[in-house]
Amino acid sequence: MGMFDELTEFFEKFDILGLAVGLMIGASLKDVANNLIEEGVMPFIKPLLKKMSEKTNGGKLTVGRGVSVNLAKIIESSIKFSALSLIILLLIKLGVKVKKRPKRVRIMNWNKMPKSGCSKGSGKR
């Protein structure tokens, strides 16, 4: 078996081309979802975050000995994550479902099966 044959067998066995297409579609959907979030949701949220930042030292909270946490960034990231999760849920609900490939079934020749202790007409199992 040549190297090319092994490569094509590998592609078929692990469905590499389907995986590549799925990754490309996923990357495109990520861009669409990010644009929807940035242009549709965040314009309403950012003014609230800006007001919070003005009142809380630039949106930073100092914890312990000089450790500062940027609350505005954490809240913005949490909102983006929630919106992206909602978009994925809606896509799944609308019918974009991942279907498993049917497994291959080996058909056996029953005539060549080894005979067990039961005869055909005895009714025993």
Protein backbone atom coordinates (compact mmCIF):
# COMPACT_ATOMS: atom_id res chain seq x y z
CA MET A 1 0.00 0.00 0.00
CA GLY A 2 1.49 3.30 -1.04
CA MET A 3 1.67 6.50 0.94
CA PHE A 4 -1.14 8.07 -1.11
CA ASP A 5 -3.42 5.10 -0.42
CA GLU A 6 -2.73 5.32 3.30
CA LEU A 7 -3.49 9.05 3.24
CA THR A 8 -6.80 8.58 1.45
CA GLU A 9 -7.73 5.75 3.84
CA PHE A 10 -6.95 8.06 6.77
CA PHE A 11 -9.12 10.82 5.25
CA GLU A 12 -12.00 8.39 4.77
CA LYS A 13 -11.68 6.75 8.18
CA PHE A 14 -11.66 9.96 10.19
CA ASP A 15 -13.80 12.06 7.78
CA ILE A 16 -11.13 14.76 7.60
CA LEU A 17 -12.79 16.67 4.76
CA GLY A 18 -16.05 16.90 6.71
CA LEU A 19 -14.13 18.15 9.71
CA ALA A 20 -12.37 20.80 7.62
CA VAL A 21 -15.66 22.02 6.15
CA GLY A 22 -17.21 22.11 9.62
CA LEU A 23 -14.31 24.18 10.95
CA MET A 24 -14.60 26.66 8.08
CA ILE A 25 -18.35 27.03 8.60
CA GLY A 26 -17.83 27.40 12.36
CA ALA A 27 -15.24 30.14 11.85
CA SER A 28 -17.60 32.01 9.54
CA LEU A 29 -20.50 31.68 11.99
CA LYS A 30 -18.23 32.96 14.76
CA ASP A 31 -17.51 36.10 12.72
CA VAL A 32 -21.21 36.61 12.01
CA ALA A 33 -22.10 36.13 15.68
CA ASN A 34 -19.34 38.48 16.85
CA ASN A 35 -20.49 41.18 14.44
CA LEU A 36 -24.08 40.74 15.56
CA ILE A 37 -23.03 41.07 19.20
CA GLU A 38 -20.69 44.03 18.61
CA GLU A 39 -23.11 45.95 16.38
CA GLY A 40 -26.47 44.84 17.78
CA VAL A 41 -26.06 44.29 21.51
CA MET A 42 -22.98 46.11 22.75
CA PRO A 43 -24.03 49.64 21.64
CA PHE A 44 -26.74 49.42 24.31
CA ILE A 45 -24.43 47.97 26.96
CA LYS A 46 -21.29 50.08 26.47
CA PRO A 47 -22.84 53.36 27.74
CA LEU A 48 -23.80 51.57 30.97
CA LEU A 49 -20.28 50.20 31.30
CA LYS A 50 -18.86 53.66 30.66
CA LYS A 51 -20.99 55.16 33.45
CA MET A 52 -19.88 52.37 35.76
CA SER A 53 -16.25 53.02 34.82
CA GLU A 54 -16.56 56.71 35.64
CA LYS A 55 -17.92 55.92 39.10
CA THR A 56 -15.51 53.11 39.96
CA ASN A 57 -12.03 54.39 39.11
CA GLY A 58 -12.03 53.39 35.43
CA GLY A 59 -14.01 50.21 36.02
CA LYS A 60 -11.24 48.77 38.15
CA LEU A 61 -11.74 47.25 41.54
CA THR A 62 -8.74 46.96 43.83
CA VAL A 63 -8.66 43.75 45.80
CA GLY A 64 -6.14 42.97 48.50
CA ARG A 65 -2.61 44.31 48.14
CA GLY A 66 -2.60 46.25 44.91
CA VAL A 67 -4.39 43.64 42.82
CA SER A 68 -6.84 45.37 40.50
CA VAL A 69 -9.62 43.72 38.55
CA ASN A 70 -11.14 45.40 35.49
CA LEU A 71 -14.86 44.88 36.10
CA ALA A 72 -15.91 46.54 32.86
CA LYS A 73 -13.91 44.01 30.79
CA ILE A 74 -15.23 41.08 32.83
CA ILE A 75 -18.83 42.22 32.42
CA GLU A 76 -18.37 42.89 28.70
CA SER A 77 -16.82 39.45 28.15
CA SER A 78 -19.61 37.79 30.14
CA ILE A 79 -22.28 39.54 28.07
CA LYS A 80 -20.55 38.53 24.81
CA PHE A 81 -20.30 34.92 26.00
CA SER A 82 -23.98 34.87 26.99
CA ALA A 83 -25.06 36.36 23.66
CA LEU A 84 -22.93 33.90 21.69
CA SER A 85 -24.38 31.00 23.71
CA LEU A 86 -27.88 32.24 22.96
CA ILE A 87 -27.12 32.47 19.23
CA ILE A 88 -25.78 28.90 19.22
CA LEU A 89 -28.86 27.68 21.09
CA LEU A 90 -31.16 29.42 18.59
CA LEU A 91 -29.29 27.89 15.64
CA ILE A 92 -29.69 24.45 17.15
CA LYS A 93 -33.38 25.04 17.88
CA LEU A 94 -33.96 26.24 14.30
CA GLY A 95 -32.77 22.96 12.91
CA VAL A 96 -29.05 23.22 12.34
CA LYS A 97 -28.31 19.90 13.96
CA VAL A 98 -25.21 17.79 13.89
CA LYS A 99 -26.11 14.32 12.69
CA LYS A 100 -24.02 11.28 13.41
CA ARG A 101 -22.86 9.30 10.47
CA PRO A 102 -24.57 5.93 10.30
CA LYS A 103 -22.30 3.13 11.40
CA ARG A 104 -21.40 0.43 8.96
CA VAL A 105 -23.08 -2.85 9.66
CA ARG A 106 -21.48 -6.15 8.72
CA ILE A 107 -24.01 -8.53 7.26
CA MET A 108 -23.29 -12.08 8.25
CA ASN A 109 -24.15 -15.15 6.28
CA TRP A 110 -26.36 -17.10 8.67
CA ASN A 111 -25.92 -20.33 6.73
CA LYS A 112 -22.23 -20.42 7.59
CA MET A 113 -22.71 -19.68 11.29
CA PRO A 114 -21.50 -22.43 13.64
CA LYS A 115 -24.37 -24.56 14.85
CA SER A 116 -25.23 -24.24 18.52
CA GLY A 117 -26.90 -26.95 20.58
CA CYS A 118 -30.42 -25.88 19.49
CA SER A 119 -32.17 -27.30 16.49
CA LYS A 120 -34.29 -25.09 14.27
CA GLY A 121 -37.68 -26.41 15.22
CA SER A 122 -37.19 -27.24 18.91
CA GLY A 123 -38.40 -23.89 20.25
CA LYS A 124 -35.59 -23.74 22.82
CA ARG A 125 -33.56 -20.57 23.21
